[in-house]
Amino acid sequence: EAQLVESGGGLVQPGGSLTLSCAASGFPFTWYSMYWLRQPPEKGLEWVSTITGGGDTDYSDSVKGRFTISRDNPKKTLSLQMNNLKTEDTGVYYCATDRLGTSRGQGTQVTVSS
């Protein structure tokens, strides 16, 4: 059974940066594409970024150029470097093994506010 534990969220001012981490266990991490999803307040889950096992990446238009996804396969960790944060980036961020988020962690709160 996949286990995913996110960390690194917090309160940051607009224009600031945060790095999220996700520790994975219970499945062959290297073989899986991994995803970051987020849920803004009072909205549904939305896709943020994907990284394949080989390191190919993709981003939603709203974060492209500001966020960077990466992974460390031997350590089974996933990261999301978030720069130039905007108030609309506020939400609960999840790492997941599928784009719909059917297998995801408990999430970490990111609040962008002045």
PDB file of N, CA and C in Angstrom:
ATOM      1  N   GLU A   1       0.844  -1.193   0.000  1.00  0.00           N
ATOM      2  CA  GLU A   1       0.000   0.000   0.000  1.00  0.00           C
ATOM      3  C   GLU A   1       0.884   1.249   0.000  1.00  0.00           C
ATOM      4  N   ALA A   2       0.576   2.153  -0.928  1.00  0.00           N
ATOM      5  CA  ALA A   2       1.362   3.375  -1.040  1.00  0.00           C
ATOM      6  C   ALA A   2       1.139   4.271   0.162  1.00  0.00           C
ATOM      7  N   GLN A   3       2.228   4.815   0.676  1.00  0.00           N
ATOM      8  CA  GLN A   3       2.152   5.809   1.732  1.00  0.00           C
ATOM      9  C   GLN A   3       2.908   7.046   1.278  1.00  0.00           C
ATOM     10  N   LEU A   4       2.275   8.191   1.416  1.00  0.00           N
ATOM     11  CA  LEU A   4       2.836   9.460   0.972  1.00  0.00           C
ATOM     12  C   LEU A   4       2.675  10.476   2.093  1.00  0.00           C
ATOM     13  N   VAL A   5       3.767  11.143   2.454  1.00  0.00           N
ATOM     14  CA  VAL A   5       3.732  12.113   3.542  1.00  0.00           C
ATOM     15  C   VAL A   5       4.350  13.419   3.071  1.00  0.00           C
ATOM     16  N   GLU A   6       3.516  14.454   2.978  1.00  0.00           N
ATOM     17  CA  GLU A   6       3.958  15.771   2.537  1.00  0.00           C
ATOM     18  C   GLU A   6       4.422  16.614   3.719  1.00  0.00           C
ATOM     19  N   SER A   7       5.326  17.531   3.438  1.00  0.00           N
ATOM     20  CA  SER A   7       5.791  18.478   4.445  1.00  0.00           C
ATOM     21  C   SER A   7       6.297  19.728   3.763  1.00  0.00           C
ATOM     22  N   GLY A   8       6.515  20.781   4.543  1.00  0.00           N
ATOM     23  CA  GLY A   8       7.131  21.984   4.017  1.00  0.00           C
ATOM     24  C   GLY A   8       6.203  23.152   3.777  1.00  0.00           C
ATOM     25  N   GLY A   9       4.916  22.962   4.010  1.00  0.00           N
ATOM     26  CA  GLY A   9       3.992  24.065   3.818  1.00  0.00           C
ATOM     27  C   GLY A   9       4.153  25.141   4.884  1.00  0.00           C
ATOM     28  N   GLY A  10       3.437  26.238   4.698  1.00  0.00           N
ATOM     29  CA  GLY A  10       3.493  27.315   5.673  1.00  0.00           C
ATOM     30  C   GLY A  10       2.877  28.582   5.133  1.00  0.00           C
ATOM     31  N   LEU A  11       3.109  29.657   5.875  1.00  0.00           N
ATOM     32  CA  LEU A  11       2.618  30.976   5.504  1.00  0.00           C
ATOM     33  C   LEU A  11       3.763  31.768   4.879  1.00  0.00           C
ATOM     34  N   VAL A  12       3.515  32.350   3.715  1.00  0.00           N
ATOM     35  CA  VAL A  12       4.547  33.106   3.025  1.00  0.00           C
ATOM     36  C   VAL A  12       3.905  34.323   2.368  1.00  0.00           C
ATOM     37  N   GLN A  13       4.669  35.382   2.242  1.00  0.00           N
ATOM     38  CA  GLN A  13       4.164  36.585   1.590  1.00  0.00           C
ATOM     39  C   GLN A  13       4.197  36.428   0.072  1.00  0.00           C
ATOM     40  N   PRO A  14       3.359  37.152  -0.627  1.00  0.00           N
ATOM     41  CA  PRO A  14       3.424  37.134  -2.099  1.00  0.00           C
ATOM     42  C   PRO A  14       4.835  37.458  -2.577  1.00  0.00           C
ATOM     43  N   GLY A  15       5.282  36.710  -3.575  1.00  0.00           N
ATOM     44  CA  GLY A  15       6.640  36.867  -4.075  1.00  0.00           C
ATOM     45  C   GLY A  15       7.648  35.979  -3.375  1.00  0.00           C
ATOM     46  N   GLY A  16       7.243  35.340  -2.310  1.00  0.00           N
ATOM     47  CA  GLY A  16       8.147  34.476  -1.559  1.00  0.00           C
ATOM     48  C   GLY A  16       8.273  33.091  -2.157  1.00  0.00           C
ATOM     49  N   SER A  17       9.017  32.243  -1.444  1.00  0.00           N
ATOM     50  CA  SER A  17       9.300  30.892  -1.918  1.00  0.00           C
ATOM     51  C   SER A  17       9.066  29.870  -0.818  1.00  0.00           C
ATOM     52  N   LEU A  18       8.723  28.681  -1.233  1.00  0.00           N
ATOM     53  CA  LEU A  18       8.611  27.523  -0.342  1.00  0.00           C
ATOM     54  C   LEU A  18       9.044  26.284  -1.113  1.00  0.00           C
ATOM     55  N   THR A  19       9.541  25.301  -0.383  1.00  0.00           N
ATOM     56  CA  THR A  19       9.834  24.009  -0.982  1.00  0.00           C
ATOM     57  C   THR A  19       9.046  22.926  -0.246  1.00  0.00           C
ATOM     58  N   LEU A  20       8.237  22.205  -0.976  1.00  0.00           N
ATOM     59  CA  LEU A  20       7.469  21.098  -0.424  1.00  0.00           C
ATOM     60  C   LEU A  20       8.213  19.795  -0.671  1.00  0.00           C
ATOM     61  N   SER A  21       8.054  18.873   0.248  1.00  0.00           N
ATOM     62  CA  SER A  21       8.655  17.549   0.106  1.00  0.00           C
ATOM     63  C   SER A  21       7.601  16.485   0.320  1.00  0.00           C
ATOM     64  N   CYS A  22       7.838  15.328  -0.263  1.00  0.00           N
ATOM     65  CA  CYS A  22       6.938  14.190  -0.103  1.00  0.00           C
ATOM     66  C   CYS A  22       7.793  12.942   0.052  1.00  0.00           C
ATOM     67  N   ALA A  23       7.592  12.234   1.151  1.00  0.00           N
ATOM     68  CA  ALA A  23       8.286  10.973   1.393  1.00  0.00           C
ATOM     69  C   ALA A  23       7.370   9.828   0.991  1.00  0.00           C
ATOM     70  N   ALA A  24       7.870   8.959   0.141  1.00  0.00           N
ATOM     71  CA  ALA A  24       7.061   7.868  -0.400  1.00  0.00           C
ATOM     72  C   ALA A  24       7.557   6.519   0.097  1.00  0.00           C
ATOM     73  N   SER A  25       6.627   5.601   0.290  1.00  0.00           N
ATOM     74  CA  SER A  25       6.990   4.238   0.681  1.00  0.00           C
ATOM     75  C   SER A  25       5.866   3.293   0.299  1.00  0.00           C
ATOM     76  N   GLY A  26       6.195   1.998   0.273  1.00  0.00           N
ATOM     77  CA  GLY A  26       5.163   0.998   0.058  1.00  0.00           C
ATOM     78  C   GLY A  26       4.864   0.658  -1.387  1.00  0.00           C
ATOM     79  N   PHE A  27       5.621   1.227  -2.317  1.00  0.00           N
ATOM     80  CA  PHE A  27       5.425   0.924  -3.731  1.00  0.00           C
ATOM     81  C   PHE A  27       6.737   1.208  -4.463  1.00  0.00           C
ATOM     82  N   PRO A  28       6.892   0.668  -5.683  1.00  0.00           N
ATOM     83  CA  PRO A  28       8.157   0.860  -6.426  1.00  0.00           C
ATOM     84  C   PRO A  28       8.255   2.271  -7.001  1.00  0.00           C
ATOM     85  N   PHE A  29       8.713   3.174  -6.181  1.00  0.00           N
ATOM     86  CA  PHE A  29       8.704   4.610  -6.480  1.00  0.00           C
ATOM     87  C   PHE A  29       9.323   4.929  -7.845  1.00  0.00           C
ATOM     88  N   THR A  30      10.429   4.312  -8.145  1.00  0.00           N
ATOM     89  CA  THR A  30      11.165   4.631  -9.371  1.00  0.00           C
ATOM     90  C   THR A  30      10.317   4.403 -10.622  1.00  0.00           C
ATOM     91  N   TRP A  31       9.425   3.452 -10.570  1.00  0.00           N
ATOM     92  CA  TRP A  31       8.631   3.093 -11.743  1.00  0.00           C
ATOM     93  C   TRP A  31       7.440   4.017 -11.961  1.00  0.00           C
ATOM     94  N   TYR A  32       7.103   4.834 -10.955  1.00  0.00           N
ATOM     95  CA  TYR A  32       5.875   5.607 -10.990  1.00  0.00           C
ATOM     96  C   TYR A  32       6.111   7.046 -11.417  1.00  0.00           C
ATOM     97  N   SER A  33       5.254   7.550 -12.309  1.00  0.00           N
ATOM     98  CA  SER A  33       5.146   8.993 -12.444  1.00  0.00           C
ATOM     99  C   SER A  33       4.528   9.522 -11.157  1.00  0.00           C
ATOM    100  N   MET A  34       4.958  10.686 -10.733  1.00  0.00           N
ATOM    101  CA  MET A  34       4.464  11.290  -9.499  1.00  0.00           C
ATOM    102  C   MET A  34       3.877  12.660  -9.797  1.00  0.00           C
ATOM    103  N   TYR A  35       2.935  13.055  -8.961  1.00  0.00           N
ATOM    104  CA  TYR A  35       2.150  14.253  -9.211  1.00  0.00           C
ATOM    105  C   TYR A  35       2.071  15.135  -7.969  1.00  0.00           C
ATOM    106  N   TRP A  36       2.026  16.424  -8.206  1.00  0.00           N
ATOM    107  CA  TRP A  36       1.604  17.378  -7.189  1.00  0.00           C
ATOM    108  C   TRP A  36       0.234  17.907  -7.613  1.00  0.00           C
ATOM    109  N   LEU A  37      -0.665  17.897  -6.649  1.00  0.00           N
ATOM    110  CA  LEU A  37      -2.005  18.421  -6.825  1.00  0.00           C
ATOM    111  C   LEU A  37      -2.233  19.453  -5.732  1.00  0.00           C
ATOM    112  N   ARG A  38      -3.236  20.297  -5.909  1.00  0.00           N
ATOM    113  CA  ARG A  38      -3.579  21.234  -4.847  1.00  0.00           C
ATOM    114  C   ARG A  38      -5.081  21.464  -4.820  1.00  0.00           C
ATOM    115  N   GLN A  39      -5.546  21.877  -3.652  1.00  0.00           N
ATOM    116  CA  GLN A  39      -6.960  22.198  -3.491  1.00  0.00           C
ATOM    117  C   GLN A  39      -7.081  23.577  -2.881  1.00  0.00           C
ATOM    118  N   PRO A  40      -7.422  24.570  -3.707  1.00  0.00           N
ATOM    119  CA  PRO A  40      -7.628  25.923  -3.167  1.00  0.00           C
ATOM    120  C   PRO A  40      -8.850  25.944  -2.264  1.00  0.00           C
ATOM    121  N   PRO A  41      -8.974  26.951  -1.421  1.00  0.00           N
ATOM    122  CA  PRO A  41     -10.135  27.036  -0.534  1.00  0.00           C
ATOM    123  C   PRO A  41     -11.441  27.008  -1.311  1.00  0.00           C
ATOM    124  N   GLU A  42     -12.331  26.152  -0.896  1.00  0.00           N
ATOM    125  CA  GLU A  42     -13.688  26.051  -1.457  1.00  0.00           C
ATOM    126  C   GLU A  42     -13.683  25.686  -2.946  1.00  0.00           C
ATOM    127  N   LYS A  43     -12.625  25.045  -3.398  1.00  0.00           N
ATOM    128  CA  LYS A  43     -12.555  24.592  -4.787  1.00  0.00           C
ATOM    129  C   LYS A  43     -12.145  23.124  -4.827  1.00  0.00           C
ATOM    130  N   GLY A  44     -12.225  22.547  -5.998  1.00  0.00           N
ATOM    131  CA  GLY A  44     -11.864  21.156  -6.169  1.00  0.00           C
ATOM    132  C   GLY A  44     -10.373  20.942  -6.326  1.00  0.00           C
ATOM    133  N   LEU A  45      -9.997  19.681  -6.367  1.00  0.00           N
ATOM    134  CA  LEU A  45      -8.604  19.304  -6.537  1.00  0.00           C
ATOM    135  C   LEU A  45      -8.140  19.664  -7.943  1.00  0.00           C
ATOM    136  N   GLU A  46      -6.947  20.228  -8.072  1.00  0.00           N
ATOM    137  CA  GLU A  46      -6.421  20.575  -9.385  1.00  0.00           C
ATOM    138  C   GLU A  46      -4.990  20.104  -9.532  1.00  0.00           C
ATOM    139  N   TRP A  47      -4.667  19.719 -10.747  1.00  0.00           N
ATOM    140  CA  TRP A  47      -3.333  19.247 -11.048  1.00  0.00           C
ATOM    141  C   TRP A  47      -2.359  20.416 -11.114  1.00  0.00           C
ATOM    142  N   VAL A  48      -1.152  20.206 -10.569  1.00  0.00           N
ATOM    143  CA  VAL A  48      -0.113  21.228 -10.577  1.00  0.00           C
ATOM    144  C   VAL A  48       1.062  20.808 -11.458  1.00  0.00           C
ATOM    145  N   SER A  49       1.567  19.585 -11.234  1.00  0.00           N
ATOM    146  CA  SER A  49       2.785  19.186 -11.937  1.00  0.00           C
ATOM    147  C   SER A  49       2.937  17.678 -11.927  1.00  0.00           C
ATOM    148  N   THR A  50       3.694  17.178 -12.904  1.00  0.00           N
ATOM    149  CA  THR A  50       3.987  15.757 -13.050  1.00  0.00           C
ATOM    150  C   THR A  50       5.469  15.564 -13.315  1.00  0.00           C
ATOM    151  N   ILE A  51       6.012  14.483 -12.780  1.00  0.00           N
ATOM    152  CA  ILE A  51       7.363  14.065 -13.141  1.00  0.00           C
ATOM    153  C   ILE A  51       7.351  12.559 -13.361  1.00  0.00           C
ATOM    154  N   THR A  52       7.897  12.128 -14.500  1.00  0.00           N
ATOM    155  CA  THR A  52       7.952  10.695 -14.784  1.00  0.00           C
ATOM    156  C   THR A  52       9.106  10.054 -14.014  1.00  0.00           C
ATOM    157  N   GLY A  53       9.152   8.741 -14.037  1.00  0.00           N
ATOM    158  CA  GLY A  53      10.246   8.045 -13.377  1.00  0.00           C
ATOM    159  C   GLY A  53      11.603   8.428 -13.955  1.00  0.00           C
ATOM    160  N   GLY A  54      11.607   8.776 -15.225  1.00  0.00           N
ATOM    161  CA  GLY A  54      12.845   9.175 -15.891  1.00  0.00           C
ATOM    162  C   GLY A  54      13.185  10.644 -15.769  1.00  0.00           C
ATOM    163  N   GLY A  55      12.283  11.406 -15.148  1.00  0.00           N
ATOM    164  CA  GLY A  55      12.577  12.809 -14.887  1.00  0.00           C
ATOM    165  C   GLY A  55      11.948  13.817 -15.840  1.00  0.00           C
ATOM    166  N   ASP A  56      11.129  13.364 -16.784  1.00  0.00           N
ATOM    167  CA  ASP A  56      10.412  14.323 -17.631  1.00  0.00           C
ATOM    168  C   ASP A  56       9.353  15.034 -16.801  1.00  0.00           C
ATOM    169  N   THR A  57       9.185  16.325 -17.053  1.00  0.00           N
ATOM    170  CA  THR A  57       8.291  17.132 -16.230  1.00  0.00           C
ATOM    171  C   THR A  57       7.224  17.839 -17.057  1.00  0.00           C
ATOM    172  N   ASP A  58       6.150  18.194 -16.376  1.00  0.00           N
ATOM    173  CA  ASP A  58       5.069  18.955 -16.989  1.00  0.00           C
ATOM    174  C   ASP A  58       4.433  19.798 -15.900  1.00  0.00           C
ATOM    175  N   TYR A  59       3.900  20.959 -16.305  1.00  0.00           N
ATOM    176  CA  TYR A  59       3.336  21.894 -15.343  1.00  0.00           C
ATOM    177  C   TYR A  59       2.034  22.482 -15.870  1.00  0.00           C
ATOM    178  N   SER A  60       1.157  22.825 -14.959  1.00  0.00           N
ATOM    179  CA  SER A  60      -0.026  23.569 -15.351  1.00  0.00           C
ATOM    180  C   SER A  60       0.399  24.972 -15.773  1.00  0.00           C
ATOM    181  N   ASP A  61      -0.379  25.597 -16.611  1.00  0.00           N
ATOM    182  CA  ASP A  61      -0.028  26.930 -17.099  1.00  0.00           C
ATOM    183  C   ASP A  61       0.082  27.931 -15.953  1.00  0.00           C
ATOM    184  N   SER A  62      -0.693  27.728 -14.902  1.00  0.00           N
ATOM    185  CA  SER A  62      -0.723  28.698 -13.804  1.00  0.00           C
ATOM    186  C   SER A  62       0.578  28.707 -12.991  1.00  0.00           C
ATOM    187  N   VAL A  63       1.368  27.643 -13.067  1.00  0.00           N
ATOM    188  CA  VAL A  63       2.603  27.591 -12.268  1.00  0.00           C
ATOM    189  C   VAL A  63       3.854  27.498 -13.127  1.00  0.00           C
ATOM    190  N   LYS A  64       3.701  27.330 -14.416  1.00  0.00           N
ATOM    191  CA  LYS A  64       4.849  27.161 -15.305  1.00  0.00           C
ATOM    192  C   LYS A  64       5.781  28.358 -15.192  1.00  0.00           C
ATOM    193  N   GLY A  65       7.069  28.077 -15.038  1.00  0.00           N
ATOM    194  CA  GLY A  65       8.047  29.141 -14.905  1.00  0.00           C
ATOM    195  C   GLY A  65       8.287  29.586 -13.482  1.00  0.00           C
ATOM    196  N   ARG A  66       7.427  29.166 -12.552  1.00  0.00           N
ATOM    197  CA  ARG A  66       7.573  29.546 -11.143  1.00  0.00           C
ATOM    198  C   ARG A  66       7.848  28.336 -10.245  1.00  0.00           C
ATOM    199  N   PHE A  67       7.287  27.183 -10.599  1.00  0.00           N
ATOM    200  CA  PHE A  67       7.442  25.969  -9.799  1.00  0.00           C
ATOM    201  C   PHE A  67       8.370  24.996 -10.515  1.00  0.00           C
ATOM    202  N   THR A  68       9.114  24.216  -9.717  1.00  0.00           N
ATOM    203  CA  THR A  68       9.979  23.173 -10.258  1.00  0.00           C
ATOM    204  C   THR A  68       9.773  21.883  -9.489  1.00  0.00           C
ATOM    205  N   ILE A  69       9.400  20.847 -10.195  1.00  0.00           N
ATOM    206  CA  ILE A  69       9.225  19.537  -9.580  1.00  0.00           C
ATOM    207  C   ILE A  69      10.505  18.729  -9.760  1.00  0.00           C
ATOM    208  N   SER A  70      10.838  17.932  -8.761  1.00  0.00           N
ATOM    209  CA  SER A  70      12.011  17.075  -8.857  1.00  0.00           C
ATOM    210  C   SER A  70      11.797  15.828  -7.997  1.00  0.00           C
ATOM    211  N   ARG A  71      12.639  14.865  -8.201  1.00  0.00           N
ATOM    212  CA  ARG A  71      12.541  13.622  -7.436  1.00  0.00           C
ATOM    213  C   ARG A  71      13.922  13.054  -7.184  1.00  0.00           C
ATOM    214  N   ASP A  72      14.030  12.318  -6.084  1.00  0.00           N
ATOM    215  CA  ASP A  72      15.250  11.593  -5.755  1.00  0.00           C
ATOM    216  C   ASP A  72      14.842  10.137  -5.631  1.00  0.00           C
ATOM    217  N   ASN A  73      15.086   9.369  -6.659  1.00  0.00           N
ATOM    218  CA  ASN A  73      14.602   7.990  -6.666  1.00  0.00           C
ATOM    219  C   ASN A  73      15.227   7.119  -5.572  1.00  0.00           C
ATOM    220  N   PRO A  74      16.546   7.167  -5.351  1.00  0.00           N
ATOM    221  CA  PRO A  74      17.100   6.334  -4.266  1.00  0.00           C
ATOM    222  C   PRO A  74      16.510   6.674  -2.895  1.00  0.00           C
ATOM    223  N   LYS A  75      16.197   7.962  -2.665  1.00  0.00           N
ATOM    224  CA  LYS A  75      15.651   8.367  -1.373  1.00  0.00           C
ATOM    225  C   LYS A  75      14.135   8.304  -1.348  1.00  0.00           C
ATOM    226  N   LYS A  76      13.527   8.013  -2.500  1.00  0.00           N
ATOM    227  CA  LYS A  76      12.065   7.946  -2.600  1.00  0.00           C
ATOM    228  C   LYS A  76      11.402   9.225  -2.115  1.00  0.00           C
ATOM    229  N   THR A  77      11.901  10.339  -2.589  1.00  0.00           N
ATOM    230  CA  THR A  77      11.313  11.625  -2.231  1.00  0.00           C
ATOM    231  C   THR A  77      10.960  12.440  -3.469  1.00  0.00           C
ATOM    232  N   LEU A  78       9.923  13.209  -3.335  1.00  0.00           N
ATOM    233  CA  LEU A  78       9.426  14.113  -4.372  1.00  0.00           C
ATOM    234  C   LEU A  78       9.454  15.520  -3.800  1.00  0.00           C
ATOM    235  N   SER A  79       9.815  16.495  -4.630  1.00  0.00           N
ATOM    236  CA  SER A  79       9.884  17.872  -4.150  1.00  0.00           C
ATOM    237  C   SER A  79       9.167  18.809  -5.105  1.00  0.00           C
ATOM    238  N   LEU A  80       8.782  19.950  -4.571  1.00  0.00           N
ATOM    239  CA  LEU A  80       8.209  21.019  -5.392  1.00  0.00           C
ATOM    240  C   LEU A  80       8.774  22.340  -4.892  1.00  0.00           C
ATOM    241  N   GLN A  81       9.646  22.931  -5.697  1.00  0.00           N
ATOM    242  CA  GLN A  81      10.198  24.245  -5.391  1.00  0.00           C
ATOM    243  C   GLN A  81       9.244  25.286  -5.954  1.00  0.00           C
ATOM    244  N   MET A  82       8.734  26.161  -5.094  1.00  0.00           N
ATOM    245  CA  MET A  82       7.746  27.155  -5.507  1.00  0.00           C
ATOM    246  C   MET A  82       8.322  28.549  -5.299  1.00  0.00           C
ATOM    247  N   ASN A  83       8.481  29.277  -6.378  1.00  0.00           N
ATOM    248  CA  ASN A  83       9.017  30.634  -6.331  1.00  0.00           C
ATOM    249  C   ASN A  83       7.967  31.639  -6.781  1.00  0.00           C
ATOM    250  N   ASN A  84       8.199  32.892  -6.439  1.00  0.00           N
ATOM    251  CA  ASN A  84       7.291  33.972  -6.836  1.00  0.00           C
ATOM    252  C   ASN A  84       5.838  33.596  -6.547  1.00  0.00           C
ATOM    253  N   LEU A  85       5.595  33.177  -5.336  1.00  0.00           N
ATOM    254  CA  LEU A  85       4.259  32.707  -4.964  1.00  0.00           C
ATOM    255  C   LEU A  85       3.238  33.830  -5.033  1.00  0.00           C
ATOM    256  N   LYS A  86       2.022  33.466  -5.417  1.00  0.00           N
ATOM    257  CA  LYS A  86       0.915  34.393  -5.543  1.00  0.00           C
ATOM    258  C   LYS A  86      -0.203  33.987  -4.593  1.00  0.00           C
ATOM    259  N   THR A  87      -1.086  34.916  -4.287  1.00  0.00           N
ATOM    260  CA  THR A  87      -2.180  34.593  -3.366  1.00  0.00           C
ATOM    261  C   THR A  87      -3.022  33.435  -3.901  1.00  0.00           C
ATOM    262  N   GLU A  88      -3.136  33.347  -5.215  1.00  0.00           N
ATOM    263  CA  GLU A  88      -3.939  32.262  -5.793  1.00  0.00           C
ATOM    264  C   GLU A  88      -3.267  30.889  -5.698  1.00  0.00           C
ATOM    265  N   ASP A  89      -2.032  30.845  -5.210  1.00  0.00           N
ATOM    266  CA  ASP A  89      -1.371  29.556  -4.974  1.00  0.00           C
ATOM    267  C   ASP A  89      -1.781  28.960  -3.623  1.00  0.00           C
ATOM    268  N   THR A  90      -2.527  29.693  -2.851  1.00  0.00           N
ATOM    269  CA  THR A  90      -2.976  29.210  -1.550  1.00  0.00           C
ATOM    270  C   THR A  90      -3.822  27.946  -1.688  1.00  0.00           C
ATOM    271  N   GLY A  91      -3.554  26.973  -0.814  1.00  0.00           N
ATOM    272  CA  GLY A  91      -4.340  25.748  -0.832  1.00  0.00           C
ATOM    273  C   GLY A  91      -3.609  24.633  -0.109  1.00  0.00           C
ATOM    274  N   VAL A  92      -4.242  23.479  -0.085  1.00  0.00           N
ATOM    275  CA  VAL A  92      -3.611  22.281   0.451  1.00  0.00           C
ATOM    276  C   VAL A  92      -2.944  21.554  -0.707  1.00  0.00           C
ATOM    277  N   TYR A  93      -1.667  21.255  -0.548  1.00  0.00           N
ATOM    278  CA  TYR A  93      -0.887  20.600  -1.597  1.00  0.00           C
ATOM    279  C   TYR A  93      -0.689  19.132  -1.245  1.00  0.00           C
ATOM    280  N   TYR A  94      -0.915  18.304  -2.262  1.00  0.00           N
ATOM    281  CA  TYR A  94      -0.807  16.864  -2.100  1.00  0.00           C
ATOM    282  C   TYR A  94       0.177  16.280  -3.107  1.00  0.00           C
ATOM    283  N   CYS A  95       0.924  15.279  -2.684  1.00  0.00           N
ATOM    284  CA  CYS A  95       1.617  14.462  -3.670  1.00  0.00           C
ATOM    285  C   CYS A  95       0.777  13.217  -3.911  1.00  0.00           C
ATOM    286  N   ALA A  96       0.854  12.692  -5.102  1.00  0.00           N
ATOM    287  CA  ALA A  96      -0.028  11.596  -5.484  1.00  0.00           C
ATOM    288  C   ALA A  96       0.631  10.702  -6.515  1.00  0.00           C
ATOM    289  N   THR A  97       0.138   9.482  -6.601  1.00  0.00           N
ATOM    290  CA  THR A  97       0.639   8.542  -7.592  1.00  0.00           C
ATOM    291  C   THR A  97      -0.221   8.530  -8.848  1.00  0.00           C
ATOM    292  N   ASP A  98      -1.269   9.331  -8.871  1.00  0.00           N
ATOM    293  CA  ASP A  98      -2.084   9.445 -10.072  1.00  0.00           C
ATOM    294  C   ASP A  98      -2.623  10.860 -10.174  1.00  0.00           C
ATOM    295  N   ARG A  99      -2.974  11.259 -11.367  1.00  0.00           N
ATOM    296  CA  ARG A  99      -3.350  12.655 -11.598  1.00  0.00           C
ATOM    297  C   ARG A  99      -4.683  13.007 -10.950  1.00  0.00           C
ATOM    298  N   LEU A 100      -5.523  12.032 -10.724  1.00  0.00           N
ATOM    299  CA  LEU A 100      -6.811  12.308 -10.092  1.00  0.00           C
ATOM    300  C   LEU A 100      -6.712  12.390  -8.569  1.00  0.00           C
ATOM    301  N   GLY A 101      -5.581  11.956  -8.025  1.00  0.00           N
ATOM    302  CA  GLY A 101      -5.402  12.042  -6.584  1.00  0.00           C
ATOM    303  C   GLY A 101      -6.090  10.963  -5.792  1.00  0.00           C
ATOM    304  N   THR A 102      -6.407   9.832  -6.446  1.00  0.00           N
ATOM    305  CA  THR A 102      -7.064   8.759  -5.704  1.00  0.00           C
ATOM    306  C   THR A 102      -6.123   8.131  -4.680  1.00  0.00           C
ATOM    307  N   SER A 103      -4.817   8.224  -4.911  1.00  0.00           N
ATOM    308  CA  SER A 103      -3.829   7.772  -3.930  1.00  0.00           C
ATOM    309  C   SER A 103      -2.918   8.953  -3.650  1.00  0.00           C
ATOM    310  N   ARG A 104      -3.157   9.620  -2.531  1.00  0.00           N
ATOM    311  CA  ARG A 104      -2.397  10.819  -2.194  1.00  0.00           C
ATOM    312  C   ARG A 104      -2.166  10.868  -0.693  1.00  0.00           C
ATOM    313  N   GLY A 105      -1.284  11.786  -0.283  1.00  0.00           N
ATOM    314  CA  GLY A 105      -0.996  11.939   1.122  1.00  0.00           C
ATOM    315  C   GLY A 105      -2.051  12.767   1.831  1.00  0.00           C
ATOM    316  N   GLN A 106      -1.709  13.181   3.065  1.00  0.00           N
ATOM    317  CA  GLN A 106      -2.658  13.946   3.869  1.00  0.00           C
ATOM    318  C   GLN A 106      -2.636  15.433   3.515  1.00  0.00           C
ATOM    319  N   GLY A 107      -1.611  15.847   2.784  1.00  0.00           N
ATOM    320  CA  GLY A 107      -1.533  17.221   2.335  1.00  0.00           C
ATOM    321  C   GLY A 107      -0.766  18.121   3.281  1.00  0.00           C
ATOM    322  N   THR A 108      -0.307  19.241   2.737  1.00  0.00           N
ATOM    323  CA  THR A 108       0.358  20.276   3.529  1.00  0.00           C
ATOM    324  C   THR A 108      -0.194  21.628   3.092  1.00  0.00           C
ATOM    325  N   GLN A 109      -0.501  22.472   4.073  1.00  0.00           N
ATOM    326  CA  GLN A 109      -1.159  23.754   3.799  1.00  0.00           C
ATOM    327  C   GLN A 109      -0.131  24.797   3.353  1.00  0.00           C
ATOM    328  N   VAL A 110      -0.441  25.464   2.257  1.00  0.00           N
ATOM    329  CA  VAL A 110       0.342  26.609   1.790  1.00  0.00           C
ATOM    330  C   VAL A 110      -0.580  27.821   1.779  1.00  0.00           C
ATOM    331  N   THR A 111      -0.176  28.858   2.487  1.00  0.00           N
ATOM    332  CA  THR A 111      -0.953  30.090   2.539  1.00  0.00           C
ATOM    333  C   THR A 111      -0.069  31.236   2.079  1.00  0.00           C
ATOM    334  N   VAL A 112      -0.501  31.906   1.023  1.00  0.00           N
ATOM    335  CA  VAL A 112       0.230  33.056   0.488  1.00  0.00           C
ATOM    336  C   VAL A 112      -0.597  34.299   0.785  1.00  0.00           C
ATOM    337  N   SER A 113      -0.073  35.111   1.669  1.00  0.00           N
ATOM    338  CA  SER A 113      -0.835  36.261   2.122  1.00  0.00           C
ATOM    339  C   SER A 113       0.108  37.308   2.685  1.00  0.00           C
ATOM    340  N   SER A 114      -0.276  38.570   2.491  1.00  0.00           N
ATOM    341  CA  SER A 114       0.501  39.654   3.078  1.00  0.00           C
ATOM    342  C   SER A 114      -0.047  40.031   4.453  1.00  0.00           C
TER     343      SER A 114
END
